[in-house]
Every structure is written in C-alpha cells, then in structure tokens.
Amino acid sequence: MAVNLPTDLLRSFAAIVDSGSMLRATERVFVTQSALSLQMKRLEETLQAPLFRRDGRRLALTPAGDALLGFTRDILALNDRAVRALTGDALAGPARVGLVQDFAETLLTGVLSRFAKLNGEAQLQVRVGGSAELLELLASDRLDVVLCMGPSDDPAALKTAPMQWLGDPALAELPVLPLAVLEPPCRFRDAALAALDAARRPYRIVLETPSLSALRAAVESDIGVTCRATTVLGRVIASPEAVGLPPLPRVAYAAHARPDPHPTLARLSEMIRSAVLEL
C-alpha cells in the first residue's frame, strides 16, 4: 500500500531545517511549537524513521532526515508550481510585509488598504519593527516585502531624504540640549548623537522610548528636540545652525523583497515603491 507524504508536514519539516529550530520555524508555518512537534512525530511515524537528533542545543538531521530534505524541496516546488498553474495569480499563503514605524501609519491607511481591496483573497500579515530586525526576517524567509531605512548610498534606496532637527527652537538654545530619541538600534538616534558629539554640543537624553507615537508626543509637547525625517514628523527647526545644532546626513527609504516573488507579492512591492516615491 502506497504511503502518502502530506505537504503540510513536509513544509513544516523544511521550515525547521531552514530556520534551525522549532521555535523559529513557528514564525514561518504559523503553528504553535507543540503543534509543530506533533507534526514531526507524525512524519517520523509515517516514514518509520527518526528525522532529527539533538546536537547540543540545536537540531541536526539524521541520515534519513538528510535524505528526505532533497525530496521535500522537490515535492514542495512541484506542489507550488501546480497550485500556481491551476489558480492563476492567487496567492496561496499570506502576504508578509515588514515596515519600520515611520511608514506604518501612512502605508497601513494607504497602499496596504488599496492592496487589500484589490486582492480580496489575500491575507496581509504586517510586522512593524526596526530595520535590522526586518531585514533579518526577510533573509530567513519570514517576510516577503520590507520597507526600511538605510544609509544614503543603500543600493535598495528608492529615494533619500534629509534628516532634520525637529522641535521647539527655544529648546535648542538651552546650554544643554534636551534630546528625545528612540531606543537603539535606531539610525536617527545614532546620527543625532554622532553629530552632537562631533560638534561638542552638550546634550542630555530627556526621553527614550521604543514608540514613534511617544516620540512625536514628546516633540509636540516641547519635552525635547529630536532628529527625524520630515515626512514622518513635523516641527522642523528652520535654521538649526543659528541655535547651535550641527548638520545631519541623509537617510534612504529602502525597499527589499524576496527573490522571484509571486505575482501578487510583486504587485504589492510595486505599490509600496510607488507610494514611497510620492512621499
């Protein structure tokens, strides 16, 4: 009697191998760790062979698991080709988008809303985080499209914008500059501190937060001065040099996508790129 290998179990198996652990694999296949363990037990029982062994804290493949991996990739690739051929442009899984906080509000109410209306069958999963975190998730196949910040010479840059000092100019005239910043890692924080240190401008951090909304409130309520891009936060200090604030570098708005994306994901990526160019 023929033994059938369920593709959902094979997809979970490949996710564990690619991510290196059960825990990280849960972010790819969207099941709990306990459910993932049960899936692997079912797969081992189906094949009557152990697929993983413990190597310290990591999971390593047994000879049977290593042999199965090549077949798994071929089966999943053929499965995905068949689904795409029979369903046209329909996206089988979710569209996974990563955004830095700076773009979350604008794009969630704009381009992502339009995408959802134009692609009623698609499920959106949006992750808001720092640039480094989002790029790591993209590299590990846990995101499909990422919009983040980068250096001005970033090859993935869609456009660059000036970093500017924002806040009440009267605060900038104080002997010690009250500074409001996001928690590290943050490109704007690093640029502000580096510029102030290079100019030997005294400052003290009066507010540190992980939230862009809290940072905006701090600037609007005159708690401190910050450094940001004007497309995200207003209250530009028009003549920073007049109040002793040093010049700042430019920042890139960078878009990244997984290679050879599904047509629906390619359209989403293009919509995001167009929206950024209009900022």
Protein backbone atom coordinates (compact mmCIF):
# COMPACT_ATOMS: atom_id res chain seq x y z
CA MET A 1 0.00 0.00 0.00
CA ALA A 2 1.34 3.42 -1.01
CA VAL A 3 2.49 5.80 1.73
CA ASN A 4 1.46 9.44 1.19
CA LEU A 5 3.59 12.31 2.47
CA PRO A 6 1.37 15.28 3.43
CA THR A 7 2.78 18.52 2.03
CA ASP A 8 1.91 20.45 5.20
CA LEU A 9 4.20 18.16 7.20
CA LEU A 10 6.93 18.46 4.60
CA ARG A 11 6.62 22.26 4.62
CA SER A 12 7.00 22.28 8.40
CA PHE A 13 9.97 19.91 8.12
CA ALA A 14 11.71 22.25 5.65
CA ALA A 15 10.93 25.28 7.84
CA ILE A 16 12.62 23.66 10.84
CA VAL A 17 15.70 22.81 8.79
CA ASP A 18 15.93 26.29 7.23
CA SER A 19 15.36 28.22 10.46
CA GLY A 20 17.46 25.95 12.67
CA SER A 21 14.93 25.44 15.46
CA MET A 22 11.33 24.56 16.20
CA LEU A 23 10.73 27.96 17.78
CA ARG A 24 11.90 29.98 14.80
CA ALA A 25 10.07 27.66 12.41
CA THR A 26 6.74 28.55 14.04
CA GLU A 27 7.08 32.05 12.56
CA ARG A 28 7.25 30.56 9.08
CA VAL A 29 4.45 28.00 9.16
CA PHE A 30 2.21 29.81 11.67
CA VAL A 31 1.54 26.95 14.08
CA THR A 32 2.48 26.62 17.74
CA GLN A 33 5.66 24.86 18.81
CA SER A 34 3.69 21.99 20.33
CA ALA A 35 1.71 21.55 17.10
CA LEU A 36 4.95 21.58 15.13
CA SER A 37 6.39 18.85 17.37
CA LEU A 38 3.29 16.73 16.79
CA GLN A 39 3.63 17.23 13.03
CA MET A 40 7.21 15.97 13.09
CA LYS A 41 6.17 12.98 15.20
CA ARG A 42 3.50 12.15 12.59
CA LEU A 43 6.03 12.48 9.78
CA GLU A 44 8.52 10.20 11.55
CA GLU A 45 5.79 7.67 12.23
CA THR A 46 4.76 7.77 8.57
CA LEU A 47 8.33 7.12 7.42
CA GLN A 48 9.21 4.83 10.33
CA ALA A 49 12.49 6.68 10.79
CA PRO A 50 13.83 9.45 13.07
CA LEU A 51 14.47 12.69 11.19
CA PHE A 52 16.22 14.83 13.82
CA ARG A 53 18.79 14.32 16.54
CA ARG A 54 19.99 16.68 19.24
CA ASP A 55 23.38 18.33 18.71
CA GLY A 56 23.81 20.36 21.87
CA ARG A 57 21.02 22.93 21.76
CA ARG A 58 20.48 22.59 18.03
CA LEU A 59 18.50 20.11 15.99
CA ALA A 60 20.54 18.19 13.43
CA LEU A 61 19.31 15.92 10.67
CA THR A 62 19.70 12.17 10.89
CA PRO A 63 20.76 10.34 7.69
CA ALA A 64 17.07 9.70 6.99
CA GLY A 65 16.25 13.35 7.53
CA ASP A 66 19.08 14.44 5.27
CA ALA A 67 17.83 12.12 2.53
CA LEU A 68 14.25 13.37 2.96
CA LEU A 69 15.25 17.04 2.66
CA GLY A 70 16.12 16.86 -1.04
CA PHE A 71 12.85 15.08 -1.88
CA THR A 72 10.96 17.59 0.30
CA ARG A 73 12.24 20.58 -1.66
CA ASP A 74 11.37 18.91 -4.98
CA ILE A 75 7.87 17.95 -3.80
CA LEU A 76 7.10 21.41 -2.41
CA ALA A 77 8.40 23.15 -5.53
CA LEU A 78 6.24 20.92 -7.75
CA ASN A 79 3.25 21.44 -5.45
CA ASP A 80 3.62 25.22 -5.60
CA ARG A 81 4.00 25.18 -9.38
CA ALA A 82 0.82 23.11 -9.71
CA VAL A 83 -1.15 25.43 -7.42
CA ARG A 84 0.03 28.50 -9.30
CA ALA A 85 -0.78 26.93 -12.69
CA LEU A 86 -4.31 25.99 -11.63
CA THR A 87 -5.20 29.09 -9.61
CA GLY A 88 -3.56 31.73 -11.77
CA ASP A 89 -2.28 34.65 -9.74
CA ALA A 90 -4.00 33.61 -6.50
CA LEU A 91 -1.58 33.74 -3.58
CA ALA A 92 -1.73 30.50 -1.58
CA GLY A 93 -0.26 31.91 1.66
CA PRO A 94 -0.23 35.29 3.42
CA ALA A 95 1.46 38.42 2.10
CA ARG A 96 4.02 39.19 4.81
CA VAL A 97 5.05 42.84 4.99
CA GLY A 98 7.65 44.43 7.24
CA LEU A 99 7.62 48.18 7.93
CA VAL A 100 9.58 50.50 10.15
CA GLN A 101 7.39 52.62 12.41
CA ASP A 102 7.97 55.68 10.25
CA PHE A 103 5.91 54.22 7.42
CA ALA A 104 3.42 52.08 9.31
CA GLU A 105 0.66 54.65 9.74
CA THR A 106 0.94 56.09 6.24
CA LEU A 107 1.06 52.79 4.37
CA LEU A 108 -1.46 50.94 6.54
CA THR A 109 -4.09 53.57 5.74
CA GLY A 110 -2.95 53.95 2.14
CA VAL A 111 -1.23 51.37 -0.01
CA LEU A 112 -1.99 48.33 2.17
CA SER A 113 -5.65 49.31 2.31
CA ARG A 114 -5.75 49.55 -1.50
CA PHE A 115 -3.94 46.24 -1.85
CA ALA A 116 -6.46 44.52 0.43
CA LYS A 117 -9.38 45.88 -1.61
CA LEU A 118 -7.80 44.86 -4.93
CA ASN A 119 -6.80 41.40 -3.68
CA GLY A 120 -9.74 40.23 -1.62
CA GLU A 121 -8.40 36.68 -1.47
CA ALA A 122 -5.06 37.72 0.03
CA GLN A 123 -4.28 37.75 3.74
CA LEU A 124 -1.98 40.52 4.94
CA GLN A 125 0.44 39.99 7.82
CA VAL A 126 2.21 43.19 8.87
CA ARG A 127 5.27 43.30 11.12
CA VAL A 128 6.40 46.68 12.48
CA GLY A 129 9.97 46.79 13.75
CA GLY A 130 13.46 48.14 13.32
CA SER A 131 15.31 47.98 10.01
CA ALA A 132 17.88 45.40 11.13
CA GLU A 133 15.20 43.13 12.59
CA LEU A 134 13.05 43.30 9.45
CA LEU A 135 15.95 42.56 7.12
CA GLU A 136 16.87 39.54 9.22
CA LEU A 137 13.28 38.28 8.98
CA LEU A 138 13.36 38.76 5.19
CA ALA A 139 16.66 36.87 4.92
CA SER A 140 15.22 33.97 6.92
CA ASP A 141 12.11 33.82 4.70
CA ARG A 142 9.74 35.12 7.37
CA LEU A 143 8.81 38.27 5.42
CA ASP A 144 8.13 38.84 1.72
CA VAL A 145 8.47 42.63 1.39
CA VAL A 146 10.32 45.06 3.67
CA LEU A 147 10.34 48.86 3.71
CA CYS A 148 13.01 50.24 6.00
CA MET A 149 15.64 52.93 6.49
CA GLY A 150 19.21 52.70 5.23
CA PRO A 151 22.34 54.76 4.61
CA SER A 152 22.13 57.29 1.78
CA ASP A 153 24.17 55.00 -0.50
CA ASP A 154 21.96 51.94 0.10
CA PRO A 155 21.67 50.02 -3.22
CA ALA A 156 18.00 49.31 -2.38
CA ALA A 157 17.21 53.01 -1.87
CA LEU A 158 14.03 54.28 -3.54
CA LYS A 159 14.85 57.86 -2.55
CA THR A 160 16.82 59.73 0.04
CA ALA A 161 15.61 62.43 2.40
CA PRO A 162 17.41 64.84 4.70
CA MET A 163 17.50 64.13 8.40
CA GLN A 164 16.41 67.28 10.19
CA TRP A 165 16.21 68.64 13.71
CA LEU A 166 12.64 68.80 14.93
CA GLY A 167 11.10 70.55 17.92
CA ASP A 168 10.87 73.92 19.60
CA PRO A 169 13.82 76.17 18.61
CA ALA A 170 13.78 77.65 22.13
CA LEU A 171 14.83 74.25 23.50
CA ALA A 172 17.79 74.20 21.11
CA GLU A 173 19.01 77.49 22.55
CA LEU A 174 19.41 76.00 26.04
CA PRO A 175 23.01 75.42 27.19
CA VAL A 176 22.36 71.68 27.38
CA LEU A 177 20.15 70.36 24.59
CA PRO A 178 17.21 68.23 25.82
CA LEU A 179 17.08 65.29 23.42
CA ALA A 180 14.24 62.84 22.75
CA VAL A 181 15.22 59.62 20.96
CA LEU A 182 14.05 56.13 20.13
CA GLU A 183 15.68 53.16 21.81
CA PRO A 184 18.62 51.58 19.95
CA PRO A 185 19.12 50.32 17.38
CA CYS A 186 17.97 53.49 15.59
CA ARG A 187 19.66 55.17 12.64
CA PHE A 188 18.30 58.61 13.60
CA ARG A 189 19.44 58.30 17.19
CA ASP A 190 22.94 57.30 16.06
CA ALA A 191 23.12 60.20 13.61
CA ALA A 192 21.97 62.75 16.19
CA LEU A 193 24.41 61.60 18.87
CA ALA A 194 27.31 61.38 16.42
CA ALA A 195 26.64 64.88 15.07
CA LEU A 196 26.32 66.40 18.55
CA ASP A 197 29.46 64.64 19.80
CA ALA A 198 31.44 65.74 16.75
CA ALA A 199 30.29 69.34 17.26
CA ARG A 200 30.95 69.09 21.02
CA ARG A 201 27.42 70.29 21.65
CA PRO A 202 26.30 69.44 25.21
CA TYR A 203 23.08 67.41 25.42
CA ARG A 204 21.19 65.11 27.71
CA ILE A 205 18.60 62.49 26.78
CA VAL A 206 15.38 63.52 28.49
CA LEU A 207 13.19 60.89 26.85
CA GLU A 208 13.96 57.47 25.40
CA THR A 209 11.16 55.31 24.02
CA PRO A 210 10.54 52.40 21.62
CA SER A 211 7.42 54.16 20.29
CA LEU A 212 7.36 56.68 17.46
CA SER A 213 3.99 57.92 18.74
CA ALA A 214 5.53 58.68 22.13
CA LEU A 215 8.43 60.44 20.43
CA ARG A 216 6.01 62.54 18.41
CA ALA A 217 4.11 63.48 21.59
CA ALA A 218 7.36 64.45 23.31
CA VAL A 219 8.30 66.79 20.46
CA GLU A 220 4.83 68.30 20.18
CA SER A 221 4.67 68.93 23.94
CA ASP A 222 8.14 70.57 23.98
CA ILE A 223 9.78 67.93 26.13
CA GLY A 224 12.76 67.62 23.83
CA VAL A 225 14.29 68.02 20.39
CA THR A 226 14.73 65.04 18.11
CA CYS A 227 16.18 64.09 14.73
CA ARG A 228 13.92 62.56 12.12
CA ALA A 229 12.73 62.84 8.51
CA THR A 230 10.09 65.49 7.85
CA THR A 231 7.82 63.05 6.02
CA VAL A 232 7.27 61.36 9.38
CA LEU A 233 7.34 64.12 11.96
CA GLY A 234 6.76 67.86 11.63
CA ARG A 235 8.04 70.91 13.56
CA VAL A 236 11.24 71.41 11.62
CA ILE A 237 13.79 73.75 13.18
CA ALA A 238 14.25 76.04 10.17
CA SER A 239 17.76 77.36 10.90
CA PRO A 240 19.44 74.73 13.08
CA GLU A 241 22.88 76.27 12.72
CA ALA A 242 21.58 79.51 14.26
CA VAL A 243 20.79 77.68 17.51
CA GLY A 244 23.98 75.60 17.54
CA LEU A 245 22.67 72.37 16.03
CA PRO A 246 25.08 70.53 13.71
CA PRO A 247 24.25 69.31 10.19
CA LEU A 248 22.86 65.81 9.74
CA PRO A 249 23.28 63.18 6.99
CA ARG A 250 20.63 62.00 4.57
CA VAL A 251 18.69 58.78 5.03
CA ALA A 252 17.49 56.30 2.41
CA TYR A 253 14.00 54.85 2.17
CA ALA A 254 14.88 51.31 1.09
CA ALA A 255 12.61 48.57 -0.23
CA HIS A 256 13.60 44.91 -0.21
CA ALA A 257 11.73 41.85 -1.47
CA ARG A 258 12.37 38.13 -1.64
CA PRO A 259 13.76 36.92 -5.00
CA ASP A 260 11.34 35.62 -7.65
CA PRO A 261 8.21 36.74 -5.81
CA HIS A 262 4.69 35.53 -6.56
CA PRO A 263 2.94 37.94 -8.98
CA THR A 264 0.65 39.17 -6.18
CA LEU A 265 3.66 39.95 -3.99
CA ALA A 266 5.39 41.64 -6.91
CA ARG A 267 2.35 43.91 -7.33
CA LEU A 268 2.36 44.69 -3.61
CA SER A 269 6.05 45.55 -3.75
CA GLU A 270 5.46 47.88 -6.68
CA MET A 271 2.56 49.59 -4.88
CA ILE A 272 4.79 50.20 -1.87
CA ARG A 273 7.58 51.57 -4.06
CA SER A 274 5.19 53.96 -5.82
CA ALA A 275 3.78 55.17 -2.50
CA VAL A 276 7.26 55.90 -1.14
CA LEU A 277 8.22 57.87 -4.24
CA GLU A 278 5.16 60.08 -3.67
CA LEU A 279 6.16 60.95 -0.10
